[in-house]
Amino acid sequence: MTVVKPLVKENDRIIIGDKIVEFDLEQIKAAGYDPTVMVVVTNSYQYDQVQVNLDNSNSKQLLQVKPKDPNQTTS
């Protein structure tokens, strides 16, 4: 296995539970890299709420987003 293997391509549609990448964490650490992953939500303006699960040790859900109501007006 390569160190990082993408499982989707740009513009692929994904749903909850889809794997998007596989990686060998031990190879990453052995190469001296920090395995910390940064997640950036670049379209947060489209959501009423973006909630981060900081205690994700017992959960597979990292983020929860609440879409804006399309009928809601902004002031």
PDB file of N, CA and C in Angstrom:
ATOM      1  N   MET A   1       0.848  -1.189   0.000  1.00  0.00           N
ATOM      2  CA  MET A   1       0.000   0.000   0.000  1.00  0.00           C
ATOM      3  C   MET A   1       0.886   1.242   0.000  1.00  0.00           C
ATOM      4  N   THR A   2       0.498   2.202  -0.790  1.00  0.00           N
ATOM      5  CA  THR A   2       1.205   3.476  -0.752  1.00  0.00           C
ATOM      6  C   THR A   2       0.859   4.167   0.564  1.00  0.00           C
ATOM      7  N   VAL A   3       1.623   5.168   0.912  1.00  0.00           N
ATOM      8  CA  VAL A   3       1.401   5.867   2.182  1.00  0.00           C
ATOM      9  C   VAL A   3       0.021   6.511   2.207  1.00  0.00           C
ATOM     10  N   VAL A   4      -0.346   7.223   1.127  1.00  0.00           N
ATOM     11  CA  VAL A   4      -1.664   7.858   1.035  1.00  0.00           C
ATOM     12  C   VAL A   4      -2.283   7.461  -0.298  1.00  0.00           C
ATOM     13  N   LYS A   5      -3.505   6.913  -0.240  1.00  0.00           N
ATOM     14  CA  LYS A   5      -4.189   6.464  -1.456  1.00  0.00           C
ATOM     15  C   LYS A   5      -5.573   7.107  -1.529  1.00  0.00           C
ATOM     16  N   PRO A   6      -5.770   8.085  -2.432  1.00  0.00           N
ATOM     17  CA  PRO A   6      -7.104   8.676  -2.604  1.00  0.00           C
ATOM     18  C   PRO A   6      -8.075   7.633  -3.150  1.00  0.00           C
ATOM     19  N   LEU A   7      -9.299   7.655  -2.662  1.00  0.00           N
ATOM     20  CA  LEU A   7     -10.320   6.715  -3.114  1.00  0.00           C
ATOM     21  C   LEU A   7     -11.409   7.396  -3.939  1.00  0.00           C
ATOM     22  N   VAL A   8     -11.360   8.714  -4.022  1.00  0.00           N
ATOM     23  CA  VAL A   8     -12.321   9.467  -4.834  1.00  0.00           C
ATOM     24  C   VAL A   8     -11.554  10.470  -5.682  1.00  0.00           C
ATOM     25  N   LYS A   9     -12.242  10.936  -6.725  1.00  0.00           N
ATOM     26  CA  LYS A   9     -11.657  11.944  -7.609  1.00  0.00           C
ATOM     27  C   LYS A   9     -12.412  13.259  -7.419  1.00  0.00           C
ATOM     28  N   GLU A  10     -11.824  14.340  -7.898  1.00  0.00           N
ATOM     29  CA  GLU A  10     -12.486  15.642  -7.859  1.00  0.00           C
ATOM     30  C   GLU A  10     -13.847  15.529  -8.544  1.00  0.00           C
ATOM     31  N   ASN A  11     -14.842  16.142  -7.934  1.00  0.00           N
ATOM     32  CA  ASN A  11     -16.232  16.169  -8.407  1.00  0.00           C
ATOM     33  C   ASN A  11     -16.997  14.869  -8.184  1.00  0.00           C
ATOM     34  N   ASP A  12     -16.378  13.854  -7.557  1.00  0.00           N
ATOM     35  CA  ASP A  12     -17.131  12.652  -7.182  1.00  0.00           C
ATOM     36  C   ASP A  12     -18.142  13.020  -6.113  1.00  0.00           C
ATOM     37  N   ARG A  13     -19.285  12.379  -6.144  1.00  0.00           N
ATOM     38  CA  ARG A  13     -20.282  12.577  -5.094  1.00  0.00           C
ATOM     39  C   ARG A  13     -20.038  11.533  -4.015  1.00  0.00           C
ATOM     40  N   ILE A  14     -20.055  11.992  -2.788  1.00  0.00           N
ATOM     41  CA  ILE A  14     -19.867  11.078  -1.661  1.00  0.00           C
ATOM     42  C   ILE A  14     -21.054  11.213  -0.718  1.00  0.00           C
ATOM     43  N   ILE A  15     -21.267  10.179   0.064  1.00  0.00           N
ATOM     44  CA  ILE A  15     -22.320  10.207   1.078  1.00  0.00           C
ATOM     45  C   ILE A  15     -21.700   9.809   2.407  1.00  0.00           C
ATOM     46  N   ILE A  16     -22.453  10.031   3.461  1.00  0.00           N
ATOM     47  CA  ILE A  16     -21.977   9.687   4.804  1.00  0.00           C
ATOM     48  C   ILE A  16     -21.525   8.229   4.821  1.00  0.00           C
ATOM     49  N   GLY A  17     -20.357   8.009   5.345  1.00  0.00           N
ATOM     50  CA  GLY A  17     -19.824   6.656   5.463  1.00  0.00           C
ATOM     51  C   GLY A  17     -18.887   6.257   4.345  1.00  0.00           C
ATOM     52  N   ASP A  18     -18.860   7.011   3.246  1.00  0.00           N
ATOM     53  CA  ASP A  18     -17.948   6.701   2.145  1.00  0.00           C
ATOM     54  C   ASP A  18     -16.509   6.947   2.572  1.00  0.00           C
ATOM     55  N   LYS A  19     -15.634   6.026   2.233  1.00  0.00           N
ATOM     56  CA  LYS A  19     -14.203   6.252   2.446  1.00  0.00           C
ATOM     57  C   LYS A  19     -13.711   7.167   1.337  1.00  0.00           C
ATOM     58  N   ILE A  20     -12.927   8.156   1.697  1.00  0.00           N
ATOM     59  CA  ILE A  20     -12.391   9.067   0.688  1.00  0.00           C
ATOM     60  C   ILE A  20     -10.874   8.928   0.529  1.00  0.00           C
ATOM     61  N   VAL A  21     -10.227   8.341   1.528  1.00  0.00           N
ATOM     62  CA  VAL A  21      -8.776   8.167   1.452  1.00  0.00           C
ATOM     63  C   VAL A  21      -8.367   7.030   2.389  1.00  0.00           C
ATOM     64  N   GLU A  22      -7.317   6.325   2.017  1.00  0.00           N
ATOM     65  CA  GLU A  22      -6.686   5.350   2.904  1.00  0.00           C
ATOM     66  C   GLU A  22      -5.239   5.800   3.107  1.00  0.00           C
ATOM     67  N   PHE A  23      -4.713   5.551   4.297  1.00  0.00           N
ATOM     68  CA  PHE A  23      -3.329   5.922   4.548  1.00  0.00           C
ATOM     69  C   PHE A  23      -2.734   4.979   5.577  1.00  0.00           C
ATOM     70  N   ASP A  24      -1.419   4.873   5.544  1.00  0.00           N
ATOM     71  CA  ASP A  24      -0.693   4.032   6.484  1.00  0.00           C
ATOM     72  C   ASP A  24      -0.099   4.944   7.553  1.00  0.00           C
ATOM     73  N   LEU A  25      -0.785   5.026   8.679  1.00  0.00           N
ATOM     74  CA  LEU A  25      -0.387   5.940   9.755  1.00  0.00           C
ATOM     75  C   LEU A  25       1.018   5.630  10.260  1.00  0.00           C
ATOM     76  N   GLU A  26       1.355   4.366  10.367  1.00  0.00           N
ATOM     77  CA  GLU A  26       2.684   4.007  10.870  1.00  0.00           C
ATOM     78  C   GLU A  26       3.790   4.452   9.917  1.00  0.00           C
ATOM     79  N   GLN A  27       3.552   4.360   8.612  1.00  0.00           N
ATOM     80  CA  GLN A  27       4.557   4.842   7.645  1.00  0.00           C
ATOM     81  C   GLN A  27       4.706   6.353   7.728  1.00  0.00           C
ATOM     82  N   ILE A  28       3.602   7.040   7.942  1.00  0.00           N
ATOM     83  CA  ILE A  28       3.642   8.500   8.069  1.00  0.00           C
ATOM     84  C   ILE A  28       4.470   8.890   9.295  1.00  0.00           C
ATOM     85  N   LYS A  29       4.202   8.246  10.422  1.00  0.00           N
ATOM     86  CA  LYS A  29       4.963   8.522  11.651  1.00  0.00           C
ATOM     87  C   LYS A  29       6.429   8.144  11.494  1.00  0.00           C
ATOM     88  N   ALA A  30       6.673   6.984  10.883  1.00  0.00           N
ATOM     89  CA  ALA A  30       8.057   6.514  10.709  1.00  0.00           C
ATOM     90  C   ALA A  30       8.868   7.462   9.835  1.00  0.00           C
ATOM     91  N   ALA A  31       8.205   8.136   8.918  1.00  0.00           N
ATOM     92  CA  ALA A  31       8.893   9.095   8.050  1.00  0.00           C
ATOM     93  C   ALA A  31       9.135  10.429   8.752  1.00  0.00           C
ATOM     94  N   GLY A  32       8.649  10.543  10.001  1.00  0.00           N
ATOM     95  CA  GLY A  32       8.893  11.751  10.777  1.00  0.00           C
ATOM     96  C   GLY A  32       7.847  12.836  10.597  1.00  0.00           C
ATOM     97  N   TYR A  33       6.741  12.511   9.953  1.00  0.00           N
ATOM     98  CA  TYR A  33       5.678  13.493   9.733  1.00  0.00           C
ATOM     99  C   TYR A  33       4.703  13.519  10.903  1.00  0.00           C
ATOM    100  N   ASP A  34       4.162  14.685  11.183  1.00  0.00           N
ATOM    101  CA  ASP A  34       3.113  14.846  12.181  1.00  0.00           C
ATOM    102  C   ASP A  34       1.808  14.357  11.561  1.00  0.00           C
ATOM    103  N   PRO A  35       1.117  13.405  12.183  1.00  0.00           N
ATOM    104  CA  PRO A  35      -0.100  12.856  11.584  1.00  0.00           C
ATOM    105  C   PRO A  35      -1.363  13.677  11.840  1.00  0.00           C
ATOM    106  N   THR A  36      -1.206  14.867  12.382  1.00  0.00           N
ATOM    107  CA  THR A  36      -2.358  15.723  12.637  1.00  0.00           C
ATOM    108  C   THR A  36      -3.011  16.114  11.314  1.00  0.00           C
ATOM    109  N   VAL A  37      -4.333  16.061  11.282  1.00  0.00           N
ATOM    110  CA  VAL A  37      -5.092  16.404  10.071  1.00  0.00           C
ATOM    111  C   VAL A  37      -5.879  17.685  10.326  1.00  0.00           C
ATOM    112  N   MET A  38      -5.790  18.624   9.394  1.00  0.00           N
ATOM    113  CA  MET A  38      -6.544  19.867   9.492  1.00  0.00           C
ATOM    114  C   MET A  38      -7.760  19.772   8.570  1.00  0.00           C
ATOM    115  N   VAL A  39      -8.922  20.139   9.104  1.00  0.00           N
ATOM    116  CA  VAL A  39     -10.147  20.152   8.306  1.00  0.00           C
ATOM    117  C   VAL A  39     -10.607  21.601   8.213  1.00  0.00           C
ATOM    118  N   VAL A  40     -10.819  22.070   6.989  1.00  0.00           N
ATOM    119  CA  VAL A  40     -11.238  23.446   6.757  1.00  0.00           C
ATOM    120  C   VAL A  40     -12.572  23.425   6.017  1.00  0.00           C
ATOM    121  N   VAL A  41     -13.556  24.116   6.560  1.00  0.00           N
ATOM    122  CA  VAL A  41     -14.849  24.251   5.890  1.00  0.00           C
ATOM    123  C   VAL A  41     -14.827  25.600   5.182  1.00  0.00           C
ATOM    124  N   THR A  42     -14.666  25.559   3.876  1.00  0.00           N
ATOM    125  CA  THR A  42     -14.498  26.806   3.118  1.00  0.00           C
ATOM    126  C   THR A  42     -15.815  27.450   2.730  1.00  0.00           C
ATOM    127  N   ASN A  43     -16.910  26.735   2.905  1.00  0.00           N
ATOM    128  CA  ASN A  43     -18.213  27.292   2.539  1.00  0.00           C
ATOM    129  C   ASN A  43     -19.133  27.390   3.758  1.00  0.00           C
ATOM    130  N   SER A  44     -18.565  27.713   4.910  1.00  0.00           N
ATOM    131  CA  SER A  44     -19.357  27.766   6.150  1.00  0.00           C
ATOM    132  C   SER A  44     -20.459  28.811   6.080  1.00  0.00           C
ATOM    133  N   TYR A  45     -20.335  29.786   5.197  1.00  0.00           N
ATOM    134  CA  TYR A  45     -21.385  30.799   5.045  1.00  0.00           C
ATOM    135  C   TYR A  45     -22.695  30.181   4.553  1.00  0.00           C
ATOM    136  N   GLN A  46     -22.633  28.970   4.027  1.00  0.00           N
ATOM    137  CA  GLN A  46     -23.837  28.299   3.536  1.00  0.00           C
ATOM    138  C   GLN A  46     -24.585  27.549   4.642  1.00  0.00           C
ATOM    139  N   TYR A  47     -24.059  27.587   5.854  1.00  0.00           N
ATOM    140  CA  TYR A  47     -24.642  26.816   6.947  1.00  0.00           C
ATOM    141  C   TYR A  47     -25.000  27.720   8.112  1.00  0.00           C
ATOM    142  N   ASP A  48     -26.093  27.361   8.803  1.00  0.00           N
ATOM    143  CA  ASP A  48     -26.444  28.066  10.029  1.00  0.00           C
ATOM    144  C   ASP A  48     -25.499  27.682  11.149  1.00  0.00           C
ATOM    145  N   GLN A  49     -25.028  26.442  11.104  1.00  0.00           N
ATOM    146  CA  GLN A  49     -24.186  25.957  12.188  1.00  0.00           C
ATOM    147  C   GLN A  49     -23.185  24.941  11.653  1.00  0.00           C
ATOM    148  N   VAL A  50     -21.945  25.068  12.083  1.00  0.00           N
ATOM    149  CA  VAL A  50     -20.916  24.064  11.845  1.00  0.00           C
ATOM    150  C   VAL A  50     -20.385  23.687  13.213  1.00  0.00           C
ATOM    151  N   GLN A  51     -20.668  22.464  13.632  1.00  0.00           N
ATOM    152  CA  GLN A  51     -20.288  22.019  14.972  1.00  0.00           C
ATOM    153  C   GLN A  51     -19.187  20.974  14.851  1.00  0.00           C
ATOM    154  N   VAL A  52     -18.131  21.164  15.618  1.00  0.00           N
ATOM    155  CA  VAL A  52     -16.995  20.249  15.606  1.00  0.00           C
ATOM    156  C   VAL A  52     -17.078  19.342  16.822  1.00  0.00           C
ATOM    157  N   ASN A  53     -16.916  18.047  16.594  1.00  0.00           N
ATOM    158  CA  ASN A  53     -16.882  17.073  17.676  1.00  0.00           C
ATOM    159  C   ASN A  53     -15.427  16.945  18.137  1.00  0.00           C
ATOM    160  N   LEU A  54     -15.067  17.681  19.182  1.00  0.00           N
ATOM    161  CA  LEU A  54     -13.680  17.680  19.655  1.00  0.00           C
ATOM    162  C   LEU A  54     -13.305  16.391  20.368  1.00  0.00           C
ATOM    163  N   ASP A  55     -14.290  15.737  20.988  1.00  0.00           N
ATOM    164  CA  ASP A  55     -14.036  14.458  21.653  1.00  0.00           C
ATOM    165  C   ASP A  55     -14.502  13.349  20.730  1.00  0.00           C
ATOM    166  N   ASN A  56     -13.789  13.162  19.625  1.00  0.00           N
ATOM    167  CA  ASN A  56     -14.221  12.194  18.625  1.00  0.00           C
ATOM    168  C   ASN A  56     -13.636  10.808  18.832  1.00  0.00           C
ATOM    169  N   SER A  57     -13.106  10.526  20.023  1.00  0.00           N
ATOM    170  CA  SER A  57     -12.484   9.236  20.253  1.00  0.00           C
ATOM    171  C   SER A  57     -13.476   8.089  20.147  1.00  0.00           C
ATOM    172  N   ASN A  58     -14.742   8.333  20.469  1.00  0.00           N
ATOM    173  CA  ASN A  58     -15.750   7.276  20.402  1.00  0.00           C
ATOM    174  C   ASN A  58     -16.746   7.516  19.279  1.00  0.00           C
ATOM    175  N   SER A  59     -16.413   8.373  18.348  1.00  0.00           N
ATOM    176  CA  SER A  59     -17.349   8.720  17.285  1.00  0.00           C
ATOM    177  C   SER A  59     -16.627   8.777  15.950  1.00  0.00           C
ATOM    178  N   LYS A  60     -17.338   8.404  14.904  1.00  0.00           N
ATOM    179  CA  LYS A  60     -16.788   8.533  13.559  1.00  0.00           C
ATOM    180  C   LYS A  60     -17.196   9.863  12.945  1.00  0.00           C
ATOM    181  N   GLN A  61     -17.981  10.657  13.685  1.00  0.00           N
ATOM    182  CA  GLN A  61     -18.465  11.929  13.167  1.00  0.00           C
ATOM    183  C   GLN A  61     -17.579  13.058  13.684  1.00  0.00           C
ATOM    184  N   LEU A  62     -16.906  13.714  12.784  1.00  0.00           N
ATOM    185  CA  LEU A  62     -16.021  14.818  13.134  1.00  0.00           C
ATOM    186  C   LEU A  62     -16.754  16.149  13.112  1.00  0.00           C
ATOM    187  N   LEU A  63     -17.573  16.358  12.081  1.00  0.00           N
ATOM    188  CA  LEU A  63     -18.298  17.611  11.916  1.00  0.00           C
ATOM    189  C   LEU A  63     -19.791  17.339  11.772  1.00  0.00           C
ATOM    190  N   GLN A  64     -20.566  18.282  12.260  1.00  0.00           N
ATOM    191  CA  GLN A  64     -22.006  18.268  12.004  1.00  0.00           C
ATOM    192  C   GLN A  64     -22.371  19.648  11.484  1.00  0.00           C
ATOM    193  N   VAL A  65     -23.024  19.700  10.339  1.00  0.00           N
ATOM    194  CA  VAL A  65     -23.404  20.976   9.752  1.00  0.00           C
ATOM    195  C   VAL A  65     -24.915  21.049   9.622  1.00  0.00           C
ATOM    196  N   LYS A  66     -25.438  22.242   9.853  1.00  0.00           N
ATOM    197  CA  LYS A  66     -26.879  22.490   9.718  1.00  0.00           C
ATOM    198  C   LYS A  66     -27.053  23.476   8.572  1.00  0.00           C
ATOM    199  N   PRO A  67     -27.637  23.016   7.452  1.00  0.00           N
ATOM    200  CA  PRO A  67     -27.809  23.919   6.306  1.00  0.00           C
ATOM    201  C   PRO A  67     -28.727  25.085   6.641  1.00  0.00           C
ATOM    202  N   LYS A  68     -28.493  26.186   5.977  1.00  0.00           N
ATOM    203  CA  LYS A  68     -29.377  27.340   6.135  1.00  0.00           C
ATOM    204  C   LYS A  68     -30.721  27.026   5.489  1.00  0.00           C
ATOM    205  N   ASP A  69     -31.759  27.587   6.048  1.00  0.00           N
ATOM    206  CA  ASP A  69     -33.098  27.467   5.477  1.00  0.00           C
ATOM    207  C   ASP A  69     -33.139  28.370   4.244  1.00  0.00           C
ATOM    208  N   PRO A  70     -33.392  27.804   3.063  1.00  0.00           N
ATOM    209  CA  PRO A  70     -33.389  28.641   1.854  1.00  0.00           C
ATOM    210  C   PRO A  70     -34.481  29.701   1.853  1.00  0.00           C
ATOM    211  N   ASN A  71     -35.497  29.521   2.695  1.00  0.00           N
ATOM    212  CA  ASN A  71     -36.587  30.500   2.779  1.00  0.00           C
ATOM    213  C   ASN A  71     -36.312  31.603   3.794  1.00  0.00           C
ATOM    214  N   GLN A  72     -35.244  31.446   4.562  1.00  0.00           N
ATOM    215  CA  GLN A  72     -34.887  32.426   5.591  1.00  0.00           C
ATOM    216  C   GLN A  72     -34.232  33.626   4.947  1.00  0.00           C
ATOM    217  N   THR A  73     -34.639  34.809   5.349  1.00  0.00           N
ATOM    218  CA  THR A  73     -34.033  36.031   4.813  1.00  0.00           C
ATOM    219  C   THR A  73     -32.995  36.551   5.791  1.00  0.00           C
ATOM    220  N   THR A  74     -31.988  37.189   5.272  1.00  0.00           N
ATOM    221  CA  THR A  74     -30.958  37.776   6.131  1.00  0.00           C
ATOM    222  C   THR A  74     -31.228  39.261   6.267  1.00  0.00           C
ATOM    223  N   SER A  75     -30.846  39.804   7.406  1.00  0.00           N
ATOM    224  CA  SER A  75     -31.068  41.239   7.617  1.00  0.00           C
ATOM    225  C   SER A  75     -29.781  42.002   7.543  1.00  0.00           C
TER     226      SER A  75
END
